[in-house]
Protein backbone atom coordinates (compact mmCIF):
# COMPACT_ATOMS: atom_id res chain seq x y z
CA UNK A 1 0.00 0.00 0.00
CA UNK A 2 1.47 3.31 -1.01
CA UNK A 3 0.79 6.99 -0.60
CA UNK A 4 1.78 9.64 -3.13
CA UNK A 5 5.06 11.38 -2.44
CA UNK A 6 6.28 14.84 -3.34
CA UNK A 7 7.93 13.72 -6.56
CA UNK A 8 6.03 12.69 -9.69
CA UNK A 9 5.91 8.97 -10.30
CA UNK A 10 7.23 8.16 -6.83
CA UNK A 11 5.42 6.47 -3.98
CA UNK A 12 6.29 5.82 -0.37
CA UNK A 13 4.94 2.99 1.80
CA UNK A 14 2.12 3.92 4.15
CA UNK A 15 2.95 3.56 7.82
CA UNK A 16 0.37 2.85 10.47
CA UNK A 17 0.69 3.77 14.11
CA UNK A 18 2.53 0.96 15.87
CA UNK A 19 2.90 -1.08 12.71
CA UNK A 20 6.18 -2.71 11.94
CA UNK A 21 7.71 -1.94 15.32
CA UNK A 22 8.65 -5.55 15.92
CA UNK A 23 7.18 -5.26 19.40
CA UNK A 24 5.04 -8.14 20.63
CA UNK A 25 1.34 -7.54 21.03
CA UNK A 26 0.30 -6.87 24.61
CA UNK A 27 -3.06 -7.05 26.35
CA UNK A 28 -5.28 -4.24 25.13
CA UNK A 29 -3.57 -4.08 21.74
CA UNK A 30 -5.37 -7.13 20.36
CA UNK A 31 -8.48 -5.27 19.30
CA UNK A 32 -6.41 -2.48 17.79
CA UNK A 33 -4.42 -5.04 15.82
CA UNK A 34 -7.62 -6.73 14.65
CA UNK A 35 -9.04 -3.41 13.47
CA UNK A 36 -5.81 -2.57 11.69
CA UNK A 37 -5.77 -5.95 9.95
CA UNK A 38 -9.41 -5.47 8.95
CA UNK A 39 -8.63 -2.02 7.54
CA UNK A 40 -5.75 -3.41 5.49
CA UNK A 41 -7.94 -6.22 4.20
CA UNK A 42 -10.66 -3.70 3.32
CA UNK A 43 -8.27 -1.88 0.98
CA UNK A 44 -7.46 -5.15 -0.74
CA UNK A 45 -4.17 -6.28 0.76
CA UNK A 46 -3.39 -9.98 0.81
CA UNK A 47 -2.47 -11.80 4.00
CA UNK A 48 1.15 -11.74 2.87
CA UNK A 49 1.08 -7.96 2.29
CA UNK A 50 -0.62 -7.36 5.65
CA UNK A 51 2.02 -9.50 7.34
CA UNK A 52 4.84 -7.50 5.72
CA UNK A 53 3.21 -4.19 6.62
CA UNK A 54 2.75 -5.16 10.28
CA UNK A 55 5.96 -7.17 10.69
CA UNK A 56 4.00 -10.34 11.50
CA UNK A 57 4.15 -13.82 10.05
CA UNK A 58 1.66 -14.67 7.32
CA UNK A 59 0.29 -17.48 9.50
CA UNK A 60 -0.36 -15.04 12.37
CA UNK A 61 -2.30 -12.79 10.00
CA UNK A 62 -4.25 -15.80 8.70
CA UNK A 63 -5.24 -16.73 12.25
CA UNK A 64 -6.37 -13.17 12.98
CA UNK A 65 -8.36 -13.05 9.74
CA UNK A 66 -10.08 -16.36 10.56
CA UNK A 67 -10.92 -15.12 14.06
CA UNK A 68 -12.23 -11.80 12.73
CA UNK A 69 -14.40 -13.54 10.15
CA UNK A 70 -15.86 -15.78 12.86
CA UNK A 71 -16.52 -12.83 15.19
CA UNK A 72 -18.17 -10.90 12.36
CA UNK A 73 -20.17 -13.88 11.09
CA UNK A 74 -18.60 -13.48 7.65
CA UNK A 75 -17.87 -16.24 5.15
CA UNK A 76 -15.78 -14.06 2.86
CA UNK A 77 -13.20 -11.32 3.33
CA UNK A 78 -15.45 -8.88 1.50
CA UNK A 79 -18.31 -9.66 3.86
CA UNK A 80 -15.97 -9.20 6.84
CA UNK A 81 -15.25 -5.67 5.60
CA UNK A 82 -18.94 -4.92 5.19
CA UNK A 83 -19.72 -6.28 8.65
CA UNK A 84 -16.80 -4.35 10.12
CA UNK A 85 -18.25 -1.13 8.74
CA UNK A 86 -21.74 -1.96 9.99
CA UNK A 87 -20.44 -2.66 13.48
CA UNK A 88 -18.36 0.52 13.56
CA UNK A 89 -14.99 -1.21 13.49
CA UNK A 90 -13.90 0.69 10.38
C-alpha atoms as a PDB file:
ATOM      1  CA  UNK A   1       0.000   0.000   0.000  1.00  0.00           C
ATOM      2  CA  UNK A   2       1.472   3.309  -1.010  1.00  0.00           C
ATOM      3  CA  UNK A   3       0.794   6.994  -0.596  1.00  0.00           C
ATOM      4  CA  UNK A   4       1.778   9.637  -3.128  1.00  0.00           C
ATOM      5  CA  UNK A   5       5.064  11.384  -2.441  1.00  0.00           C
ATOM      6  CA  UNK A   6       6.280  14.841  -3.338  1.00  0.00           C
ATOM      7  CA  UNK A   7       7.931  13.715  -6.561  1.00  0.00           C
ATOM      8  CA  UNK A   8       6.025  12.690  -9.692  1.00  0.00           C
ATOM      9  CA  UNK A   9       5.909   8.969 -10.298  1.00  0.00           C
ATOM     10  CA  UNK A  10       7.231   8.162  -6.834  1.00  0.00           C
ATOM     11  CA  UNK A  11       5.419   6.473  -3.982  1.00  0.00           C
ATOM     12  CA  UNK A  12       6.292   5.821  -0.370  1.00  0.00           C
ATOM     13  CA  UNK A  13       4.938   2.987   1.800  1.00  0.00           C
ATOM     14  CA  UNK A  14       2.117   3.916   4.151  1.00  0.00           C
ATOM     15  CA  UNK A  15       2.945   3.560   7.824  1.00  0.00           C
ATOM     16  CA  UNK A  16       0.372   2.855  10.470  1.00  0.00           C
ATOM     17  CA  UNK A  17       0.691   3.766  14.111  1.00  0.00           C
ATOM     18  CA  UNK A  18       2.528   0.963  15.868  1.00  0.00           C
ATOM     19  CA  UNK A  19       2.898  -1.079  12.710  1.00  0.00           C
ATOM     20  CA  UNK A  20       6.183  -2.712  11.945  1.00  0.00           C
ATOM     21  CA  UNK A  21       7.713  -1.938  15.324  1.00  0.00           C
ATOM     22  CA  UNK A  22       8.647  -5.553  15.915  1.00  0.00           C
ATOM     23  CA  UNK A  23       7.185  -5.262  19.399  1.00  0.00           C
ATOM     24  CA  UNK A  24       5.039  -8.139  20.629  1.00  0.00           C
ATOM     25  CA  UNK A  25       1.338  -7.542  21.030  1.00  0.00           C
ATOM     26  CA  UNK A  26       0.305  -6.874  24.607  1.00  0.00           C
ATOM     27  CA  UNK A  27      -3.064  -7.052  26.347  1.00  0.00           C
ATOM     28  CA  UNK A  28      -5.279  -4.236  25.132  1.00  0.00           C
ATOM     29  CA  UNK A  29      -3.571  -4.084  21.735  1.00  0.00           C
ATOM     30  CA  UNK A  30      -5.372  -7.134  20.356  1.00  0.00           C
ATOM     31  CA  UNK A  31      -8.479  -5.274  19.300  1.00  0.00           C
ATOM     32  CA  UNK A  32      -6.410  -2.475  17.786  1.00  0.00           C
ATOM     33  CA  UNK A  33      -4.418  -5.043  15.824  1.00  0.00           C
ATOM     34  CA  UNK A  34      -7.617  -6.730  14.654  1.00  0.00           C
ATOM     35  CA  UNK A  35      -9.040  -3.412  13.468  1.00  0.00           C
ATOM     36  CA  UNK A  36      -5.806  -2.573  11.690  1.00  0.00           C
ATOM     37  CA  UNK A  37      -5.768  -5.947   9.948  1.00  0.00           C
ATOM     38  CA  UNK A  38      -9.411  -5.472   8.955  1.00  0.00           C
ATOM     39  CA  UNK A  39      -8.628  -2.017   7.535  1.00  0.00           C
ATOM     40  CA  UNK A  40      -5.755  -3.407   5.487  1.00  0.00           C
ATOM     41  CA  UNK A  41      -7.940  -6.223   4.197  1.00  0.00           C
ATOM     42  CA  UNK A  42     -10.655  -3.704   3.319  1.00  0.00           C
ATOM     43  CA  UNK A  43      -8.268  -1.881   0.981  1.00  0.00           C
ATOM     44  CA  UNK A  44      -7.459  -5.154  -0.744  1.00  0.00           C
ATOM     45  CA  UNK A  45      -4.169  -6.283   0.758  1.00  0.00           C
ATOM     46  CA  UNK A  46      -3.391  -9.984   0.805  1.00  0.00           C
ATOM     47  CA  UNK A  47      -2.466 -11.798   4.004  1.00  0.00           C
ATOM     48  CA  UNK A  48       1.153 -11.736   2.869  1.00  0.00           C
ATOM     49  CA  UNK A  49       1.077  -7.960   2.288  1.00  0.00           C
ATOM     50  CA  UNK A  50      -0.620  -7.359   5.653  1.00  0.00           C
ATOM     51  CA  UNK A  51       2.022  -9.503   7.342  1.00  0.00           C
ATOM     52  CA  UNK A  52       4.842  -7.502   5.723  1.00  0.00           C
ATOM     53  CA  UNK A  53       3.211  -4.191   6.617  1.00  0.00           C
ATOM     54  CA  UNK A  54       2.748  -5.159  10.276  1.00  0.00           C
ATOM     55  CA  UNK A  55       5.957  -7.166  10.687  1.00  0.00           C
ATOM     56  CA  UNK A  56       4.003 -10.338  11.503  1.00  0.00           C
ATOM     57  CA  UNK A  57       4.148 -13.824  10.053  1.00  0.00           C
ATOM     58  CA  UNK A  58       1.664 -14.669   7.322  1.00  0.00           C
ATOM     59  CA  UNK A  59       0.287 -17.476   9.501  1.00  0.00           C
ATOM     60  CA  UNK A  60      -0.360 -15.038  12.370  1.00  0.00           C
ATOM     61  CA  UNK A  61      -2.299 -12.794   9.998  1.00  0.00           C
ATOM     62  CA  UNK A  62      -4.255 -15.797   8.696  1.00  0.00           C
ATOM     63  CA  UNK A  63      -5.239 -16.729  12.251  1.00  0.00           C
ATOM     64  CA  UNK A  64      -6.370 -13.165  12.977  1.00  0.00           C
ATOM     65  CA  UNK A  65      -8.364 -13.049   9.743  1.00  0.00           C
ATOM     66  CA  UNK A  66     -10.079 -16.365  10.562  1.00  0.00           C
ATOM     67  CA  UNK A  67     -10.920 -15.117  14.061  1.00  0.00           C
ATOM     68  CA  UNK A  68     -12.229 -11.801  12.725  1.00  0.00           C
ATOM     69  CA  UNK A  69     -14.399 -13.537  10.154  1.00  0.00           C
ATOM     70  CA  UNK A  70     -15.862 -15.777  12.855  1.00  0.00           C
ATOM     71  CA  UNK A  71     -16.523 -12.834  15.190  1.00  0.00           C
ATOM     72  CA  UNK A  72     -18.174 -10.900  12.358  1.00  0.00           C
ATOM     73  CA  UNK A  73     -20.167 -13.883  11.086  1.00  0.00           C
ATOM     74  CA  UNK A  74     -18.597 -13.477   7.646  1.00  0.00           C
ATOM     75  CA  UNK A  75     -17.875 -16.244   5.154  1.00  0.00           C
ATOM     76  CA  UNK A  76     -15.783 -14.057   2.855  1.00  0.00           C
ATOM     77  CA  UNK A  77     -13.200 -11.322   3.329  1.00  0.00           C
ATOM     78  CA  UNK A  78     -15.447  -8.882   1.504  1.00  0.00           C
ATOM     79  CA  UNK A  79     -18.307  -9.664   3.864  1.00  0.00           C
ATOM     80  CA  UNK A  80     -15.968  -9.197   6.841  1.00  0.00           C
ATOM     81  CA  UNK A  81     -15.245  -5.672   5.604  1.00  0.00           C
ATOM     82  CA  UNK A  82     -18.940  -4.915   5.187  1.00  0.00           C
ATOM     83  CA  UNK A  83     -19.718  -6.284   8.647  1.00  0.00           C
ATOM     84  CA  UNK A  84     -16.798  -4.349  10.122  1.00  0.00           C
ATOM     85  CA  UNK A  85     -18.252  -1.127   8.742  1.00  0.00           C
ATOM     86  CA  UNK A  86     -21.743  -1.958   9.986  1.00  0.00           C
ATOM     87  CA  UNK A  87     -20.435  -2.657  13.475  1.00  0.00           C
ATOM     88  CA  UNK A  88     -18.364   0.523  13.560  1.00  0.00           C
ATOM     89  CA  UNK A  89     -14.987  -1.206  13.491  1.00  0.00           C
ATOM     90  CA  UNK A  90     -13.900   0.691  10.376  1.00  0.00           C
END
